[in-house]
N, C-alpha and C. Protein backbone atom coordinates (compact mmCIF):
# COMPACT_ATOMS: atom_id res chain seq x y z
N UNK A 1 87.62 90.45 99.63
CA UNK A 1 88.21 89.82 98.46
C UNK A 1 88.96 90.82 97.60
N UNK A 2 88.49 92.05 97.58
CA UNK A 2 89.13 93.08 96.77
C UNK A 2 90.53 93.42 97.29
N UNK A 3 90.71 93.38 98.61
CA UNK A 3 92.03 93.70 99.18
C UNK A 3 93.06 92.65 98.79
N UNK A 4 92.65 91.40 98.62
CA UNK A 4 93.59 90.36 98.19
C UNK A 4 94.14 90.65 96.81
N UNK A 5 93.30 91.20 95.93
CA UNK A 5 93.77 91.55 94.59
C UNK A 5 94.77 92.69 94.65
N UNK A 6 94.53 93.66 95.54
CA UNK A 6 95.47 94.78 95.69
C UNK A 6 96.81 94.30 96.23
N UNK A 7 96.77 93.43 97.21
CA UNK A 7 98.02 92.93 97.79
C UNK A 7 98.79 92.11 96.77
N UNK A 8 98.08 91.32 95.97
CA UNK A 8 98.73 90.53 94.92
C UNK A 8 99.38 91.45 93.89
N UNK A 9 98.69 92.53 93.51
CA UNK A 9 99.24 93.47 92.54
C UNK A 9 100.45 94.21 93.11
N UNK A 10 100.38 94.61 94.37
CA UNK A 10 101.52 95.26 95.03
C UNK A 10 102.70 94.30 95.09
N UNK A 11 102.43 93.04 95.38
CA UNK A 11 103.49 92.04 95.44
C UNK A 11 104.18 91.88 94.09
N UNK A 12 103.40 91.92 93.02
CA UNK A 12 103.98 91.82 91.67
C UNK A 12 104.89 93.00 91.36
N UNK A 13 104.44 94.21 91.68
CA UNK A 13 105.25 95.38 91.41
C UNK A 13 106.50 95.44 92.29
N UNK A 14 106.36 94.98 93.52
CA UNK A 14 107.53 94.94 94.40
C UNK A 14 108.56 93.93 93.89
N UNK A 15 108.09 92.82 93.35
CA UNK A 15 109.02 91.83 92.81
C UNK A 15 109.76 92.39 91.60
N UNK A 16 109.07 93.20 90.80
CA UNK A 16 109.72 93.85 89.66
C UNK A 16 110.79 94.84 90.14
N UNK A 17 110.45 95.63 91.16
CA UNK A 17 111.42 96.59 91.71
C UNK A 17 112.62 95.87 92.31
N UNK A 18 112.37 94.76 92.99
CA UNK A 18 113.46 93.99 93.58
C UNK A 18 114.37 93.42 92.49
N UNK A 19 113.78 92.91 91.42
CA UNK A 19 114.56 92.37 90.32
C UNK A 19 115.44 93.45 89.68
N UNK A 20 114.87 94.63 89.48
CA UNK A 20 115.65 95.73 88.92
C UNK A 20 116.79 96.16 89.85
N UNK A 21 116.54 96.15 91.15
CA UNK A 21 117.58 96.51 92.11
C UNK A 21 118.71 95.49 92.10
N UNK A 22 118.37 94.21 91.97
CA UNK A 22 119.40 93.18 91.91
C UNK A 22 120.21 93.31 90.62
N UNK A 23 119.54 93.59 89.51
CA UNK A 23 120.25 93.79 88.25
C UNK A 23 121.19 94.99 88.34
N UNK A 24 120.73 96.07 88.97
CA UNK A 24 121.58 97.25 89.15
C UNK A 24 122.79 96.92 90.02
N UNK A 25 122.59 96.09 91.01
CA UNK A 25 123.69 95.67 91.87
C UNK A 25 124.71 94.83 91.09
N UNK A 26 124.23 93.93 90.25
CA UNK A 26 125.13 93.10 89.45
C UNK A 26 125.91 93.95 88.46
N UNK A 27 125.23 94.90 87.83
CA UNK A 27 125.91 95.80 86.89
C UNK A 27 126.98 96.61 87.62
N UNK A 28 126.66 97.11 88.80
CA UNK A 28 127.64 97.90 89.57
C UNK A 28 128.83 97.04 89.97
N UNK A 29 128.60 95.79 90.30
CA UNK A 29 129.71 94.91 90.66
C UNK A 29 130.60 94.60 89.46
N UNK A 30 130.00 94.41 88.29
CA UNK A 30 130.81 94.13 87.11
C UNK A 30 131.60 95.35 86.67
N UNK A 31 131.07 96.54 86.94
CA UNK A 31 131.79 97.77 86.61
C UNK A 31 132.76 98.17 87.72
N UNK A 32 132.78 97.40 88.78
CA UNK A 32 133.65 97.61 89.94
C UNK A 32 133.42 98.98 90.59
N UNK A 33 132.16 99.36 90.70
CA UNK A 33 131.78 100.60 91.38
C UNK A 33 131.66 100.28 92.86
N UNK A 34 132.33 101.05 93.69
CA UNK A 34 132.30 100.83 95.13
C UNK A 34 131.27 101.74 95.79
N UNK A 35 130.01 101.37 95.67
CA UNK A 35 128.94 102.15 96.29
C UNK A 35 128.10 101.21 97.14
N UNK A 36 128.15 101.40 98.43
CA UNK A 36 127.41 100.53 99.35
C UNK A 36 125.91 100.70 99.18
N UNK A 37 125.46 101.90 98.85
CA UNK A 37 124.03 102.14 98.74
C UNK A 37 123.40 101.33 97.61
N UNK A 38 124.18 101.01 96.57
CA UNK A 38 123.64 100.18 95.49
C UNK A 38 123.38 98.76 96.00
N UNK A 39 124.27 98.27 96.84
CA UNK A 39 124.07 96.95 97.42
C UNK A 39 122.89 96.89 98.36
N UNK A 40 122.65 97.98 99.08
CA UNK A 40 121.52 98.04 100.01
C UNK A 40 120.21 98.41 99.33
N UNK A 41 120.28 98.79 98.08
CA UNK A 41 119.10 99.20 97.34
C UNK A 41 118.07 98.07 97.22
N UNK A 42 118.53 96.84 97.18
CA UNK A 42 117.62 95.70 97.02
C UNK A 42 116.79 95.46 98.28
N UNK A 43 117.26 95.93 99.42
CA UNK A 43 116.52 95.71 100.66
C UNK A 43 115.25 96.57 100.77
N UNK A 44 115.20 97.66 100.03
CA UNK A 44 114.03 98.55 100.11
C UNK A 44 112.76 97.82 99.66
N UNK A 45 112.72 97.19 98.47
CA UNK A 45 111.50 96.45 98.12
C UNK A 45 111.42 95.06 98.75
N UNK A 46 112.55 94.56 99.25
CA UNK A 46 112.56 93.19 99.77
C UNK A 46 111.74 93.05 101.05
N UNK A 47 111.78 94.02 101.92
CA UNK A 47 111.06 93.92 103.20
C UNK A 47 109.54 93.90 103.00
N UNK A 48 108.94 94.84 102.23
CA UNK A 48 107.50 94.70 101.99
C UNK A 48 107.16 93.50 101.10
N UNK A 49 108.10 93.10 100.25
CA UNK A 49 107.88 91.90 99.44
C UNK A 49 107.76 90.67 100.32
N UNK A 50 108.56 90.61 101.35
CA UNK A 50 108.47 89.50 102.31
C UNK A 50 107.13 89.51 103.03
N UNK A 51 106.68 90.69 103.45
CA UNK A 51 105.41 90.78 104.18
C UNK A 51 104.23 90.38 103.30
N UNK A 52 104.19 90.89 102.07
CA UNK A 52 103.08 90.52 101.19
C UNK A 52 103.16 89.06 100.77
N UNK A 53 104.36 88.55 100.60
CA UNK A 53 104.51 87.15 100.23
C UNK A 53 104.06 86.22 101.34
N UNK A 54 104.38 86.55 102.57
CA UNK A 54 103.92 85.73 103.69
C UNK A 54 102.40 85.78 103.83
N UNK A 55 101.81 86.95 103.58
CA UNK A 55 100.36 87.06 103.63
C UNK A 55 99.71 86.20 102.54
N UNK A 56 100.25 86.29 101.33
CA UNK A 56 99.68 85.51 100.23
C UNK A 56 99.90 84.01 100.44
N UNK A 57 100.98 83.64 101.08
CA UNK A 57 101.24 82.24 101.39
C UNK A 57 100.24 81.71 102.41
N UNK A 58 99.92 82.52 103.41
CA UNK A 58 99.02 82.08 104.47
C UNK A 58 97.55 82.19 104.09
N UNK A 59 97.24 82.90 103.04
CA UNK A 59 95.85 83.15 102.66
C UNK A 59 95.02 81.88 102.46
N UNK A 60 95.49 80.86 101.75
CA UNK A 60 94.66 79.65 101.61
C UNK A 60 94.41 78.94 102.94
N UNK A 61 95.39 78.95 103.83
CA UNK A 61 95.22 78.30 105.12
C UNK A 61 94.24 79.05 106.00
N UNK A 62 94.25 80.37 105.93
CA UNK A 62 93.32 81.18 106.69
C UNK A 62 91.89 81.00 106.16
N UNK A 63 91.76 80.82 104.86
CA UNK A 63 90.44 80.59 104.27
C UNK A 63 89.85 79.26 104.69
N UNK A 64 90.70 78.23 104.79
CA UNK A 64 90.22 76.92 105.22
C UNK A 64 89.75 76.94 106.66
N UNK A 65 90.46 77.70 107.49
CA UNK A 65 90.10 77.77 108.90
C UNK A 65 88.74 78.43 109.08
N UNK A 66 88.49 79.50 108.34
CA UNK A 66 87.21 80.20 108.48
C UNK A 66 86.06 79.36 107.92
N UNK A 67 86.33 78.54 106.88
CA UNK A 67 85.29 77.66 106.33
C UNK A 67 84.98 76.52 107.30
N UNK A 68 85.97 76.02 108.00
CA UNK A 68 85.77 74.92 108.94
C UNK A 68 84.98 75.38 110.16
N UNK A 69 85.12 76.63 110.55
CA UNK A 69 84.41 77.15 111.72
C UNK A 69 82.96 77.44 111.43
N UNK A 70 82.59 77.69 110.15
CA UNK A 70 81.20 78.02 109.85
C UNK A 70 80.31 76.83 109.77
């Protein structure tokens, strides 16, 4: 149960990092800065955010399965 809290907290911080990366990308686009790395910056937190989000999404279904088997 403790690991679920850690994954939830990591997911929250990753979502904050992703939001900041998207804001930085929007600011760079409005300033017409041609830097590809700024556009790719959002992918760094997005990939682990996807993994933790899928885990948190599946968590209630996995809990039901283990309760039904007992």
